[in-house]
Protein backbone atom coordinates (compact mmCIF):
# COMPACT_ATOMS: atom_id res chain seq x y z
CA MET A 1 70.22 97.65 67.22
CA ARG A 2 72.35 95.03 68.85
CA ILE A 3 72.06 93.43 71.83
CA GLY A 4 73.67 95.14 74.17
CA GLU A 5 71.71 98.28 73.24
CA LEU A 6 68.39 96.41 73.74
CA ALA A 7 69.33 95.07 77.19
CA ARG A 8 70.85 98.49 78.41
CA ARG A 9 67.25 99.92 76.99
CA THR A 10 64.94 97.46 78.51
CA GLY A 11 66.96 96.77 81.29
CA VAL A 12 67.34 93.38 80.43
CA THR A 13 70.15 90.97 80.59
CA ALA A 14 71.53 90.13 77.28
CA ARG A 15 70.94 86.21 78.60
CA ALA A 16 67.53 86.39 79.16
CA LEU A 17 67.11 88.27 75.63
CA ARG A 18 68.49 85.65 74.25
CA HIS A 19 66.51 82.98 76.21
CA TYR A 20 63.17 84.89 75.01
CA GLU A 21 64.46 84.10 71.71
CA ARG A 22 64.57 80.87 71.60
CA ALA A 23 61.58 80.88 73.62
CA GLY A 24 60.36 82.33 69.80
CA LEU A 25 59.34 85.77 71.79
CA ILE A 26 61.39 88.02 70.11
CA THR A 27 63.58 87.75 67.04
CA SER A 28 66.24 88.96 65.50
CA VAL A 29 68.76 88.59 62.36
CA ARG A 30 72.34 87.97 62.07
CA GLU A 31 74.75 90.18 60.61
CA PRO A 32 77.99 88.28 58.80
CA ASN A 33 79.65 88.32 62.01
CA GLY A 34 77.41 86.96 63.86
CA TYR A 35 76.12 89.71 65.93
CA ARG A 36 71.87 89.55 66.65
CA ILE A 37 70.29 92.98 65.51
CA TYR A 38 67.12 93.66 66.39
CA ASP A 39 64.05 95.72 65.51
CA SER A 40 62.50 99.33 66.43
CA THR A 41 59.58 96.82 68.38
CA ALA A 42 61.80 94.78 70.16
CA SER A 43 61.82 97.34 73.48
CA ALA A 44 58.28 97.68 73.56
CA ARG A 45 58.15 93.50 73.04
CA VAL A 46 60.24 93.35 75.96
CA ALA A 47 58.85 94.91 77.51
CA ASN A 48 55.82 93.62 77.80
CA ILE A 49 57.58 90.27 78.05
CA ARG A 50 58.82 91.26 81.70
CA TYR A 51 55.39 93.23 82.14
CA LEU A 52 53.57 89.50 82.16
CA LEU A 53 56.51 87.46 83.83
CA ASP A 54 56.70 90.36 86.42
CA ALA A 55 53.01 89.47 87.12
CA GLY A 56 53.58 86.08 87.63
CA LEU A 57 53.12 84.11 84.29
CA THR A 58 55.22 81.72 82.84
CA LEU A 59 57.22 82.44 79.62
CA GLU A 60 54.91 79.69 77.71
CA ASP A 61 52.09 81.44 79.16
CA VAL A 62 53.48 84.42 77.57
CA ALA A 63 53.65 82.94 74.22
CA ALA A 64 49.97 83.31 74.06
CA PHE A 65 50.12 86.58 73.74
CA SER A 66 52.87 87.10 70.92
CA ALA A 67 50.41 88.61 68.82
CA CYS A 68 50.15 91.57 71.02
CA LEU A 69 53.47 91.89 72.62
CA ASP A 70 54.38 94.78 70.35
CA GLY A 71 51.49 97.30 71.54
CA ASP A 72 50.57 99.14 74.96
CA MET A 73 49.30 96.11 76.98
CA ARG A 74 49.19 98.07 80.11
CA ALA A 75 46.34 100.52 78.42
CA THR A 76 44.70 97.69 76.10
CA PRO A 77 41.68 95.59 78.02
CA PRO A 78 42.63 91.90 78.04
CA SER A 79 41.76 89.27 76.05
CA ALA A 80 39.25 86.27 77.80
CA ARG A 81 41.98 83.89 76.84
CA GLY A 82 44.16 86.24 78.35
CA LEU A 83 42.29 86.83 81.31
CA ASP A 84 41.79 82.95 81.67
CA ILE A 85 45.49 82.36 81.21
CA ALA A 86 45.90 84.51 83.81
CA ARG A 87 43.17 82.73 86.26
CA GLU A 88 44.88 79.53 85.01
CA ARG A 89 48.85 80.91 86.30
CA LEU A 90 46.83 82.50 89.47
CA ALA A 91 45.05 79.56 90.86
CA VAL A 92 48.89 77.11 90.02
CA LEU A 93 50.64 79.61 92.42
CA GLU A 94 47.81 79.73 95.45
CA ALA A 95 48.23 75.83 95.43
CA ARG A 96 51.33 76.30 95.37
CA ILE A 97 51.38 78.66 98.70
CA ALA A 98 49.12 76.66 99.88
CA ALA A 99 51.69 73.38 100.14
CA GLN A 100 54.54 75.73 101.32
CA THR A 101 52.70 76.84 103.98
CA ALA A 102 50.99 73.28 104.80
CA ALA A 103 54.82 72.60 104.67
CA ARG A 104 55.63 75.29 107.28
CA ASP A 105 53.32 74.45 109.23
CA ARG A 106 54.31 71.27 109.75
CA LEU A 107 58.09 71.39 109.93
CA ALA A 108 57.13 74.77 113.00
CA ALA A 109 55.13 71.51 114.86
CA ALA A 110 57.98 69.48 114.82
CA LEU A 111 60.62 71.66 115.87
CA ALA A 112 58.08 72.81 118.87
CA THR A 113 57.92 69.32 120.12
CA ALA A 114 61.36 68.62 119.72
CA ARG A 115 62.01 71.47 121.42
CA GLY A 116 59.46 70.03 124.66
């Protein structure tokens, strides 16, 4: 299938699909006219990539799951490595949230002081 059809089937933009391809998460072959052609497993693979990205993982994190992106990730128990990656990403997100919360609190305090 061509990139436009894959985009329609998965609800992902063609730009995102090209980005996933550059990251090595999906592959295509090129027709003589330069069009990308994806095989039948691409839809499931893109759905799994979106599932992991929507869960808060990065493309780099998702690359560690490349061997299992063609299956039904939602129905398969996560591997020990997958759990480690998710825990590491959660710790990063929690640290960012804490830093943003602290910044918000400092700004709110500064505004409260400025109002008098």
